[in-house]
Amino acid sequence: MTNHGNTSPPLRPLLPALALAALVLGLDQLTKAWILDGVMVPPRAIPITSFFDLVLVRNLGVSFGLFSDVNAAWRTWVLIGLAGGIGIALLVWLVRCHRMLVGCGLGLALGGAIGNVIDRVRFGAVTDFLDFHLGAWHWPAFNLADSAITVGVALIVIDGILESREHPSPPASVPASASASAPAPEPEPRASQET
C-alpha cells in the first residue's frame, strides 16, 4: 500500500541547532579551562608549527581587540549587554527558522556568543589562545567560540546565496503608468475562411 500525497514535514532545525550550540559552548569552555588551568601555567607562547602558536591573550574589546582601549568602567557591561542582545536575537531567529543550513549557522553563532559572554562575566575579558602567523605578521588571537561564530555566519551567507539561486527574483514588472502610456498593439488580421 502506497501513501500518495502524505509527506513528512521537513525537519525543523531548532533542536539540532540548539544541540550544536550546546556542543560549541561546552567545547569552548573546556578548551579555555584547559588553556587557563593547564597549558598556560605559566603564561607563554608555545610554538606548534611554523605558522601556529598557542598563546594567552585577554581580549578586553570585541573581535580583533576593537574597543579594548575604551574606559574599562563601563566597557565590560556594555559588551555583555550587546552580546546578550545579539544572543537573544539569534535565538528568536532560530525559533522562526525553517532552513537547516541557516539553523546550523545560527546554532554555531549562538554557542560561540554565549561562550564569550561567559568569559566576560567571569573574567571581564575573553580568553583567546589560537595564534596564526606568517613570519612576524600575526592574525589577532582567537578561540573556539570565535571560530564557531565565523563558520556560523559563513553558513548563513552560503544559504542566502543558494536560496537566491533556487528561487531567483522575478523580473521587474513594468510600472502601470508606463504600460498605460504605451500604444496598444494592433490586433492580428483574421484569415478569411473560404468554403
N, C-alpha and C. Protein backbone atom coordinates (compact mmCIF):
# COMPACT_ATOMS: atom_id res chain seq x y z
N MET A 1 0.84 -1.16 0.00
CA MET A 1 0.00 0.00 0.00
C MET A 1 0.90 1.24 0.00
N THR A 2 0.66 2.11 -0.95
CA THR A 2 1.46 3.33 -1.04
C THR A 2 0.70 4.48 -0.42
N ASN A 3 1.47 5.41 0.06
CA ASN A 3 0.89 6.58 0.72
C ASN A 3 1.14 7.78 -0.18
N HIS A 4 0.17 8.04 -1.07
CA HIS A 4 0.31 9.16 -2.00
C HIS A 4 -0.15 10.45 -1.34
N GLY A 5 0.61 11.49 -1.52
CA GLY A 5 0.19 12.80 -1.04
C GLY A 5 0.58 13.11 0.40
N ASN A 6 0.89 12.08 1.20
CA ASN A 6 1.31 12.34 2.57
C ASN A 6 2.83 12.37 2.62
N THR A 7 3.36 13.52 2.87
CA THR A 7 4.80 13.64 3.02
C THR A 7 5.08 14.12 4.42
N SER A 8 6.17 13.65 4.97
CA SER A 8 6.51 14.09 6.32
C SER A 8 7.02 15.52 6.25
N PRO A 9 6.75 16.31 7.28
CA PRO A 9 7.21 17.70 7.26
C PRO A 9 8.72 17.74 7.32
N PRO A 10 9.31 18.78 6.73
CA PRO A 10 10.77 18.88 6.78
C PRO A 10 11.23 19.02 8.22
N LEU A 11 12.40 18.50 8.47
CA LEU A 11 12.98 18.56 9.82
C LEU A 11 13.24 20.01 10.19
N ARG A 12 12.66 20.45 11.30
CA ARG A 12 12.89 21.80 11.79
C ARG A 12 14.28 21.86 12.38
N PRO A 13 15.01 22.91 12.14
CA PRO A 13 16.39 22.99 12.62
C PRO A 13 16.53 23.36 14.09
N LEU A 14 15.45 23.62 14.82
CA LEU A 14 15.58 24.13 16.18
C LEU A 14 16.36 23.19 17.09
N LEU A 15 15.94 21.94 17.21
CA LEU A 15 16.62 21.03 18.13
C LEU A 15 18.05 20.70 17.71
N PRO A 16 18.30 20.39 16.43
CA PRO A 16 19.70 20.18 16.04
C PRO A 16 20.57 21.42 16.26
N ALA A 17 20.01 22.60 16.01
CA ALA A 17 20.79 23.83 16.19
C ALA A 17 21.08 24.09 17.67
N LEU A 18 20.10 23.83 18.53
CA LEU A 18 20.34 24.00 19.97
C LEU A 18 21.37 22.99 20.48
N ALA A 19 21.33 21.78 19.95
CA ALA A 19 22.34 20.77 20.31
C ALA A 19 23.72 21.23 19.84
N LEU A 20 23.78 21.79 18.65
CA LEU A 20 25.05 22.30 18.13
C LEU A 20 25.56 23.46 18.99
N ALA A 21 24.65 24.35 19.39
CA ALA A 21 25.03 25.47 20.26
C ALA A 21 25.58 24.95 21.59
N ALA A 22 24.93 23.95 22.15
CA ALA A 22 25.39 23.37 23.43
C ALA A 22 26.76 22.71 23.26
N LEU A 23 26.96 22.01 22.14
CA LEU A 23 28.25 21.38 21.87
C LEU A 23 29.36 22.42 21.75
N VAL A 24 29.11 23.48 20.98
CA VAL A 24 30.10 24.55 20.83
C VAL A 24 30.40 25.18 22.17
N LEU A 25 29.35 25.49 22.94
CA LEU A 25 29.54 26.11 24.24
C LEU A 25 30.38 25.22 25.16
N GLY A 26 30.06 23.94 25.21
CA GLY A 26 30.82 23.01 26.05
C GLY A 26 32.27 22.90 25.63
N LEU A 27 32.51 22.73 24.33
CA LEU A 27 33.89 22.61 23.85
C LEU A 27 34.66 23.91 24.05
N ASP A 28 34.00 25.03 23.85
CA ASP A 28 34.66 26.32 24.07
C ASP A 28 35.10 26.46 25.52
N GLN A 29 34.22 26.18 26.45
CA GLN A 29 34.55 26.33 27.86
C GLN A 29 35.61 25.32 28.29
N LEU A 30 35.54 24.09 27.76
CA LEU A 30 36.57 23.08 28.08
C LEU A 30 37.95 23.50 27.57
N THR A 31 38.01 23.99 26.32
CA THR A 31 39.32 24.37 25.78
C THR A 31 39.89 25.58 26.52
N LYS A 32 39.03 26.51 26.90
CA LYS A 32 39.52 27.67 27.65
C LYS A 32 40.02 27.26 29.04
N ALA A 33 39.30 26.35 29.70
CA ALA A 33 39.75 25.86 31.01
C ALA A 33 41.07 25.12 30.87
N TRP A 34 41.21 24.33 29.83
CA TRP A 34 42.45 23.59 29.58
C TRP A 34 43.62 24.55 29.39
N ILE A 35 43.39 25.61 28.62
CA ILE A 35 44.44 26.61 28.40
C ILE A 35 44.77 27.34 29.70
N LEU A 36 43.74 27.84 30.39
CA LEU A 36 43.96 28.66 31.60
C LEU A 36 44.54 27.87 32.76
N ASP A 37 44.05 26.65 32.96
CA ASP A 37 44.43 25.89 34.17
C ASP A 37 45.56 24.89 33.95
N GLY A 38 45.96 24.70 32.70
CA GLY A 38 47.00 23.70 32.46
C GLY A 38 48.09 24.19 31.54
N VAL A 39 47.73 24.39 30.31
CA VAL A 39 48.73 24.69 29.28
C VAL A 39 49.47 25.99 29.55
N MET A 40 48.75 27.01 29.96
CA MET A 40 49.37 28.33 30.12
C MET A 40 49.74 28.67 31.57
N VAL A 41 50.18 27.65 32.30
CA VAL A 41 50.69 27.89 33.66
C VAL A 41 52.18 27.53 33.61
N PRO A 42 53.07 28.48 33.52
CA PRO A 42 52.89 29.93 33.44
C PRO A 42 52.55 30.35 32.01
N PRO A 43 51.96 31.58 31.85
CA PRO A 43 51.62 32.07 30.50
C PRO A 43 52.88 32.22 29.64
N ARG A 44 52.79 31.78 28.41
CA ARG A 44 53.91 31.85 27.47
C ARG A 44 53.40 31.55 26.08
N ALA A 45 54.22 31.74 25.07
CA ALA A 45 53.90 31.33 23.71
C ALA A 45 54.47 29.94 23.48
N ILE A 46 53.64 29.04 22.97
CA ILE A 46 54.07 27.67 22.70
C ILE A 46 54.00 27.44 21.20
N PRO A 47 55.14 27.39 20.51
CA PRO A 47 55.13 27.14 19.06
C PRO A 47 54.63 25.71 18.78
N ILE A 48 53.66 25.59 17.90
CA ILE A 48 53.14 24.28 17.48
C ILE A 48 53.66 23.95 16.08
N THR A 49 53.56 24.92 15.17
CA THR A 49 54.12 24.78 13.82
C THR A 49 54.84 26.08 13.48
N SER A 50 55.33 26.18 12.26
CA SER A 50 56.00 27.42 11.85
C SER A 50 55.02 28.58 11.66
N PHE A 51 53.71 28.28 11.67
CA PHE A 51 52.71 29.33 11.45
C PHE A 51 51.63 29.37 12.53
N PHE A 52 51.76 28.55 13.58
CA PHE A 52 50.72 28.48 14.60
C PHE A 52 51.32 28.30 15.99
N ASP A 53 50.88 29.14 16.93
CA ASP A 53 51.32 29.06 18.33
C ASP A 53 50.09 29.05 19.24
N LEU A 54 50.27 28.48 20.42
CA LEU A 54 49.30 28.66 21.50
C LEU A 54 49.81 29.82 22.35
N VAL A 55 48.92 30.77 22.66
CA VAL A 55 49.28 31.94 23.45
C VAL A 55 48.16 32.19 24.45
N LEU A 56 48.34 33.12 25.35
CA LEU A 56 47.27 33.52 26.25
C LEU A 56 47.06 35.02 26.10
N VAL A 57 45.89 35.38 25.59
CA VAL A 57 45.52 36.77 25.38
C VAL A 57 44.19 37.01 26.06
N ARG A 58 44.10 38.09 26.82
CA ARG A 58 42.83 38.52 27.43
C ARG A 58 42.31 39.66 26.58
N ASN A 59 41.28 39.38 25.79
CA ASN A 59 40.71 40.36 24.88
C ASN A 59 39.66 41.18 25.63
N LEU A 60 39.99 42.42 25.94
CA LEU A 60 39.07 43.30 26.65
C LEU A 60 38.02 43.89 25.73
N GLY A 61 38.29 43.92 24.43
CA GLY A 61 37.37 44.52 23.47
C GLY A 61 36.49 43.48 22.80
N VAL A 62 36.19 43.73 21.55
CA VAL A 62 35.40 42.79 20.76
C VAL A 62 36.32 42.16 19.73
N SER A 63 35.79 41.67 18.65
CA SER A 63 36.60 40.99 17.64
C SER A 63 37.84 41.79 17.28
N PHE A 64 38.95 41.09 17.22
CA PHE A 64 40.24 41.66 16.84
C PHE A 64 40.68 42.77 17.78
N GLY A 65 40.19 42.77 19.01
CA GLY A 65 40.62 43.73 20.01
C GLY A 65 40.00 45.12 19.88
N LEU A 66 39.01 45.28 19.01
CA LEU A 66 38.37 46.59 18.88
C LEU A 66 37.77 47.01 20.21
N PHE A 67 37.86 48.27 20.54
CA PHE A 67 37.33 48.88 21.77
C PHE A 67 38.07 48.43 23.03
N SER A 68 39.23 47.80 22.91
CA SER A 68 39.95 47.36 24.10
C SER A 68 40.54 48.53 24.88
N ASP A 69 40.68 49.69 24.25
CA ASP A 69 41.25 50.83 24.95
C ASP A 69 40.18 51.79 25.49
N VAL A 70 38.91 51.40 25.39
CA VAL A 70 37.80 52.23 25.89
C VAL A 70 37.72 52.10 27.41
N ASN A 71 37.18 53.09 28.08
CA ASN A 71 37.04 53.13 29.54
C ASN A 71 36.52 51.80 30.08
N ALA A 72 37.33 51.15 30.91
CA ALA A 72 37.00 49.82 31.43
C ALA A 72 35.81 49.83 32.37
N ALA A 73 35.49 50.96 32.99
CA ALA A 73 34.40 51.01 33.97
C ALA A 73 33.07 50.59 33.36
N TRP A 74 32.82 50.92 32.13
CA TRP A 74 31.54 50.57 31.54
C TRP A 74 31.67 49.62 30.36
N ARG A 75 32.87 49.47 29.78
CA ARG A 75 33.07 48.65 28.59
C ARG A 75 32.57 47.22 28.76
N THR A 76 32.94 46.57 29.85
CA THR A 76 32.57 45.17 30.05
C THR A 76 31.06 44.99 30.08
N TRP A 77 30.36 45.83 30.81
CA TRP A 77 28.91 45.68 30.92
C TRP A 77 28.19 46.03 29.63
N VAL A 78 28.70 47.01 28.91
CA VAL A 78 28.10 47.35 27.61
C VAL A 78 28.28 46.19 26.65
N LEU A 79 29.49 45.61 26.63
CA LEU A 79 29.74 44.49 25.71
C LEU A 79 28.94 43.25 26.12
N ILE A 80 28.77 43.02 27.42
CA ILE A 80 27.93 41.90 27.88
C ILE A 80 26.49 42.13 27.42
N GLY A 81 25.98 43.34 27.61
CA GLY A 81 24.62 43.66 27.19
C GLY A 81 24.43 43.53 25.70
N LEU A 82 25.40 44.02 24.94
CA LEU A 82 25.34 43.93 23.48
C LEU A 82 25.35 42.47 23.03
N ALA A 83 26.27 41.68 23.58
CA ALA A 83 26.35 40.26 23.21
C ALA A 83 25.09 39.51 23.64
N GLY A 84 24.57 39.86 24.82
CA GLY A 84 23.33 39.22 25.27
C GLY A 84 22.17 39.54 24.35
N GLY A 85 22.07 40.79 23.91
CA GLY A 85 21.02 41.18 22.97
C GLY A 85 21.15 40.45 21.65
N ILE A 86 22.38 40.33 21.16
CA ILE A 86 22.61 39.60 19.91
C ILE A 86 22.24 38.13 20.09
N GLY A 87 22.60 37.55 21.25
CA GLY A 87 22.24 36.16 21.51
C GLY A 87 20.73 35.94 21.51
N ILE A 88 19.99 36.87 22.11
CA ILE A 88 18.52 36.76 22.12
C ILE A 88 17.98 36.88 20.70
N ALA A 89 18.51 37.82 19.92
CA ALA A 89 18.07 37.97 18.53
C ALA A 89 18.36 36.70 17.73
N LEU A 90 19.53 36.07 17.95
CA LEU A 90 19.84 34.82 17.25
C LEU A 90 18.87 33.72 17.64
N LEU A 91 18.52 33.65 18.92
CA LEU A 91 17.59 32.63 19.39
C LEU A 91 16.20 32.84 18.79
N VAL A 92 15.73 34.07 18.72
CA VAL A 92 14.42 34.36 18.11
C VAL A 92 14.45 33.98 16.64
N TRP A 93 15.52 34.32 15.94
CA TRP A 93 15.67 33.96 14.53
C TRP A 93 15.66 32.44 14.39
N LEU A 94 16.34 31.76 15.27
CA LEU A 94 16.41 30.31 15.22
C LEU A 94 15.04 29.67 15.42
N VAL A 95 14.26 30.17 16.35
CA VAL A 95 12.91 29.63 16.60
C VAL A 95 12.04 29.76 15.36
N ARG A 96 12.23 30.82 14.60
CA ARG A 96 11.42 31.08 13.40
C ARG A 96 12.00 30.44 12.14
N CYS A 97 13.18 29.90 12.24
CA CYS A 97 13.93 29.40 11.08
C CYS A 97 13.34 28.07 10.57
N HIS A 98 13.33 27.91 9.25
CA HIS A 98 12.86 26.67 8.63
C HIS A 98 13.91 26.03 7.73
N ARG A 99 15.08 26.61 7.62
CA ARG A 99 16.12 26.08 6.75
C ARG A 99 17.25 25.52 7.60
N MET A 100 17.63 24.28 7.34
CA MET A 100 18.60 23.58 8.17
C MET A 100 19.97 24.25 8.15
N LEU A 101 20.44 24.72 7.00
CA LEU A 101 21.76 25.34 6.94
C LEU A 101 21.79 26.63 7.76
N VAL A 102 20.74 27.42 7.67
CA VAL A 102 20.66 28.64 8.49
C VAL A 102 20.60 28.26 9.97
N GLY A 103 19.81 27.22 10.29
CA GLY A 103 19.72 26.77 11.68
C GLY A 103 21.07 26.35 12.23
N CYS A 104 21.84 25.62 11.44
CA CYS A 104 23.18 25.21 11.89
C CYS A 104 24.08 26.42 12.08
N GLY A 105 24.01 27.37 11.16
CA GLY A 105 24.80 28.58 11.29
C GLY A 105 24.42 29.37 12.54
N LEU A 106 23.12 29.46 12.80
CA LEU A 106 22.66 30.16 14.00
C LEU A 106 23.08 29.43 15.27
N GLY A 107 23.02 28.10 15.25
CA GLY A 107 23.45 27.31 16.40
C GLY A 107 24.92 27.52 16.72
N LEU A 108 25.76 27.53 15.68
CA LEU A 108 27.19 27.77 15.87
C LEU A 108 27.42 29.18 16.44
N ALA A 109 26.78 30.16 15.84
CA ALA A 109 26.97 31.55 16.30
C ALA A 109 26.44 31.73 17.72
N LEU A 110 25.31 31.13 18.03
CA LEU A 110 24.73 31.25 19.37
C LEU A 110 25.64 30.62 20.43
N GLY A 111 26.12 29.42 20.17
CA GLY A 111 27.02 28.75 21.11
C GLY A 111 28.30 29.55 21.33
N GLY A 112 28.85 30.11 20.24
CA GLY A 112 30.06 30.92 20.37
C GLY A 112 29.81 32.21 21.13
N ALA A 113 28.69 32.85 20.85
CA ALA A 113 28.37 34.11 21.54
C ALA A 113 28.19 33.88 23.04
N ILE A 114 27.50 32.82 23.39
CA ILE A 114 27.29 32.53 24.82
C ILE A 114 28.62 32.21 25.49
N GLY A 115 29.49 31.46 24.80
CA GLY A 115 30.80 31.14 25.36
C GLY A 115 31.62 32.38 25.66
N ASN A 116 31.59 33.36 24.77
CA ASN A 116 32.35 34.59 25.00
C ASN A 116 31.69 35.46 26.06
N VAL A 117 30.36 35.44 26.16
CA VAL A 117 29.68 36.20 27.23
C VAL A 117 30.05 35.61 28.59
N ILE A 118 30.12 34.30 28.69
CA ILE A 118 30.53 33.68 29.96
C ILE A 118 31.91 34.17 30.38
N ASP A 119 32.84 34.26 29.43
CA ASP A 119 34.17 34.80 29.73
C ASP A 119 34.10 36.23 30.26
N ARG A 120 33.30 37.05 29.61
CA ARG A 120 33.20 38.45 30.04
C ARG A 120 32.63 38.56 31.44
N VAL A 121 31.63 37.74 31.74
CA VAL A 121 31.03 37.78 33.08
C VAL A 121 32.04 37.28 34.11
N ARG A 122 32.74 36.19 33.82
CA ARG A 122 33.68 35.60 34.78
C ARG A 122 34.96 36.40 34.94
N PHE A 123 35.52 36.87 33.80
CA PHE A 123 36.87 37.45 33.83
C PHE A 123 36.94 38.92 33.40
N GLY A 124 35.85 39.46 32.86
CA GLY A 124 35.88 40.82 32.34
C GLY A 124 36.54 40.92 30.98
N ALA A 125 36.94 39.80 30.42
CA ALA A 125 37.60 39.75 29.11
C ALA A 125 37.41 38.36 28.52
N VAL A 126 37.62 38.24 27.22
CA VAL A 126 37.50 36.96 26.53
C VAL A 126 38.88 36.32 26.44
N THR A 127 38.96 35.03 26.74
CA THR A 127 40.22 34.29 26.66
C THR A 127 40.45 33.83 25.23
N ASP A 128 41.53 34.32 24.61
CA ASP A 128 41.92 33.91 23.26
C ASP A 128 43.27 33.19 23.36
N PHE A 129 43.47 32.19 22.50
CA PHE A 129 44.71 31.42 22.62
C PHE A 129 45.23 30.84 21.31
N LEU A 130 44.50 30.96 20.23
CA LEU A 130 44.95 30.44 18.94
C LEU A 130 45.61 31.57 18.16
N ASP A 131 46.88 31.40 17.83
CA ASP A 131 47.66 32.46 17.18
C ASP A 131 48.25 31.95 15.88
N PHE A 132 47.66 32.37 14.76
CA PHE A 132 48.20 32.03 13.45
C PHE A 132 49.03 33.21 12.95
N HIS A 133 50.16 32.91 12.30
CA HIS A 133 51.05 33.97 11.85
C HIS A 133 51.82 33.55 10.61
N LEU A 134 52.29 34.55 9.93
CA LEU A 134 53.15 34.35 8.77
C LEU A 134 54.37 35.24 9.01
N GLY A 135 55.46 34.63 9.39
CA GLY A 135 56.64 35.41 9.77
C GLY A 135 56.32 36.24 11.00
N ALA A 136 56.53 37.55 10.89
CA ALA A 136 56.25 38.44 12.02
C ALA A 136 54.81 38.95 12.03
N TRP A 137 54.04 38.68 10.95
CA TRP A 137 52.66 39.14 10.88
C TRP A 137 51.76 38.13 11.59
N HIS A 138 51.00 38.58 12.57
CA HIS A 138 50.11 37.72 13.35
C HIS A 138 48.66 38.12 13.12
N TRP A 139 47.83 37.12 12.83
CA TRP A 139 46.38 37.32 12.85
C TRP A 139 46.00 37.51 14.32
N PRO A 140 45.02 38.36 14.64
CA PRO A 140 44.66 38.50 16.05
C PRO A 140 44.27 37.15 16.66
N ALA A 141 44.75 36.90 17.87
CA ALA A 141 44.46 35.62 18.55
C ALA A 141 42.94 35.46 18.70
N PHE A 142 42.49 34.21 18.67
CA PHE A 142 41.06 33.93 18.78
C PHE A 142 40.86 32.63 19.52
N ASN A 143 39.61 32.18 19.64
CA ASN A 143 39.30 30.96 20.38
C ASN A 143 38.27 30.14 19.61
N LEU A 144 37.84 29.03 20.19
CA LEU A 144 36.87 28.16 19.53
C LEU A 144 35.54 28.87 19.31
N ALA A 145 35.10 29.69 20.27
CA ALA A 145 33.84 30.42 20.13
C ALA A 145 33.90 31.35 18.91
N ASP A 146 35.01 32.06 18.76
CA ASP A 146 35.17 32.96 17.61
C ASP A 146 35.11 32.17 16.31
N SER A 147 35.74 31.01 16.29
CA SER A 147 35.71 30.17 15.09
C SER A 147 34.29 29.72 14.77
N ALA A 148 33.54 29.32 15.79
CA ALA A 148 32.16 28.87 15.58
C ALA A 148 31.30 30.02 15.05
N ILE A 149 31.48 31.21 15.59
CA ILE A 149 30.72 32.37 15.11
C ILE A 149 31.04 32.63 13.64
N THR A 150 32.31 32.59 13.28
CA THR A 150 32.73 32.85 11.90
C THR A 150 32.15 31.80 10.95
N VAL A 151 32.26 30.53 11.31
CA VAL A 151 31.71 29.46 10.46
C VAL A 151 30.18 29.58 10.39
N GLY A 152 29.55 29.91 11.51
CA GLY A 152 28.10 30.08 11.51
C GLY A 152 27.64 31.18 10.56
N VAL A 153 28.31 32.32 10.61
CA VAL A 153 27.96 33.42 9.70
C VAL A 153 28.19 32.99 8.25
N ALA A 154 29.28 32.27 8.00
CA ALA A 154 29.56 31.80 6.64
C ALA A 154 28.45 30.87 6.14
N LEU A 155 27.95 29.98 7.00
CA LEU A 155 26.86 29.08 6.60
C LEU A 155 25.58 29.87 6.27
N ILE A 156 25.29 30.91 7.04
CA ILE A 156 24.11 31.73 6.77
C ILE A 156 24.25 32.44 5.43
N VAL A 157 25.45 32.96 5.14
CA VAL A 157 25.69 33.62 3.85
C VAL A 157 25.57 32.63 2.72
N ILE A 158 26.18 31.45 2.87
CA ILE A 158 26.10 30.41 1.83
C ILE A 158 24.64 30.04 1.58
N ASP A 159 23.85 29.87 2.64
CA ASP A 159 22.44 29.54 2.47
C ASP A 159 21.73 30.65 1.70
N GLY A 160 22.03 31.90 1.99
CA GLY A 160 21.41 33.00 1.27
C GLY A 160 21.74 32.97 -0.21
N ILE A 161 22.97 32.62 -0.53
CA ILE A 161 23.38 32.52 -1.94
C ILE A 161 22.65 31.36 -2.61
N LEU A 162 22.61 30.21 -1.94
CA LEU A 162 21.92 29.04 -2.51
C LEU A 162 20.43 29.31 -2.66
N GLU A 163 19.83 29.97 -1.68
CA GLU A 163 18.40 30.29 -1.73
C GLU A 163 18.10 31.20 -2.91
N SER A 164 18.96 32.18 -3.16
CA SER A 164 18.72 33.10 -4.27
C SER A 164 18.87 32.39 -5.62
N ARG A 165 19.69 31.35 -5.66
CA ARG A 165 19.83 30.58 -6.91
C ARG A 165 18.66 29.63 -7.10
N GLU A 166 18.11 29.10 -6.00
CA GLU A 166 16.96 28.18 -6.09
C GLU A 166 15.69 28.94 -6.44
N HIS A 167 15.55 30.13 -5.93
CA HIS A 167 14.34 30.94 -6.12
C HIS A 167 14.74 32.34 -6.58
N PRO A 168 15.13 32.46 -7.87
CA PRO A 168 15.54 33.78 -8.34
C PRO A 168 14.37 34.77 -8.29
N SER A 169 14.71 36.02 -8.13
CA SER A 169 13.69 37.07 -8.09
C SER A 169 13.01 37.15 -9.44
N PRO A 170 11.69 37.39 -9.44
CA PRO A 170 11.01 37.55 -10.74
C PRO A 170 11.50 38.83 -11.40
N PRO A 171 11.40 38.86 -12.74
CA PRO A 171 11.85 40.09 -13.42
C PRO A 171 11.00 41.27 -12.96
N ALA A 172 11.61 42.41 -12.99
CA ALA A 172 10.91 43.62 -12.57
C ALA A 172 9.71 43.84 -13.47
N SER A 173 8.58 44.16 -12.88
CA SER A 173 7.37 44.40 -13.68
C SER A 173 7.40 45.82 -14.20
N VAL A 174 6.66 46.01 -15.28
CA VAL A 174 6.57 47.34 -15.88
C VAL A 174 5.58 48.14 -15.05
N PRO A 175 5.96 49.34 -14.63
CA PRO A 175 5.03 50.16 -13.85
C PRO A 175 3.75 50.43 -14.62
N ALA A 176 2.65 50.54 -13.89
CA ALA A 176 1.34 50.75 -14.52
C ALA A 176 1.32 52.03 -15.35
N SER A 177 1.99 53.07 -14.91
CA SER A 177 1.98 54.33 -15.66
C SER A 177 2.69 54.16 -17.00
N ALA A 178 3.72 53.32 -17.05
CA ALA A 178 4.44 53.11 -18.30
C ALA A 178 3.60 52.30 -19.27
N SER A 179 2.87 51.30 -18.77
CA SER A 179 2.08 50.47 -19.67
C SER A 179 0.85 51.22 -20.15
N ALA A 180 0.32 52.17 -19.37
CA ALA A 180 -0.85 52.92 -19.78
C ALA A 180 -0.52 53.88 -20.91
N SER A 181 0.70 54.38 -20.95
CA SER A 181 1.05 55.36 -21.98
C SER A 181 1.54 54.69 -23.26
N ALA A 182 1.80 53.41 -23.22
CA ALA A 182 2.26 52.71 -24.42
C ALA A 182 1.07 52.43 -25.32
N PRO A 183 1.27 52.56 -26.61
CA PRO A 183 0.15 52.27 -27.52
C PRO A 183 -0.19 50.79 -27.48
N ALA A 184 -1.45 50.50 -27.61
CA ALA A 184 -1.92 49.11 -27.61
C ALA A 184 -1.50 48.47 -28.92
N PRO A 185 -1.13 47.20 -28.89
CA PRO A 185 -0.73 46.53 -30.13
C PRO A 185 -1.93 46.38 -31.06
N GLU A 186 -1.64 46.44 -32.36
CA GLU A 186 -2.68 46.25 -33.37
C GLU A 186 -3.16 44.81 -33.33
N PRO A 187 -4.45 44.58 -33.45
CA PRO A 187 -4.93 43.20 -33.49
C PRO A 187 -4.48 42.53 -34.79
N GLU A 188 -4.24 41.24 -34.69
CA GLU A 188 -3.81 40.46 -35.85
C GLU A 188 -5.02 40.30 -36.79
N PRO A 189 -4.79 40.49 -38.09
CA PRO A 189 -5.91 40.28 -39.02
C PRO A 189 -6.27 38.80 -39.06
N ARG A 190 -7.56 38.53 -39.13
CA ARG A 190 -8.01 37.13 -39.16
C ARG A 190 -8.05 36.67 -40.61
N ALA A 191 -7.60 35.50 -40.82
CA ALA A 191 -7.66 34.94 -42.16
C ALA A 191 -9.09 34.56 -42.47
N SER A 192 -9.51 34.84 -43.68
CA SER A 192 -10.89 34.50 -44.04
C SER A 192 -10.97 33.02 -44.29
N GLN A 193 -12.09 32.50 -43.94
CA GLN A 193 -12.29 31.06 -44.15
C GLN A 193 -13.22 30.89 -45.36
N GLU A 194 -12.69 30.43 -46.42
CA GLU A 194 -13.49 30.21 -47.60
C GLU A 194 -13.84 28.74 -47.67
N THR A 195 -15.08 28.49 -48.05
CA THR A 195 -15.52 27.10 -48.17
C THR A 195 -15.66 26.68 -49.58
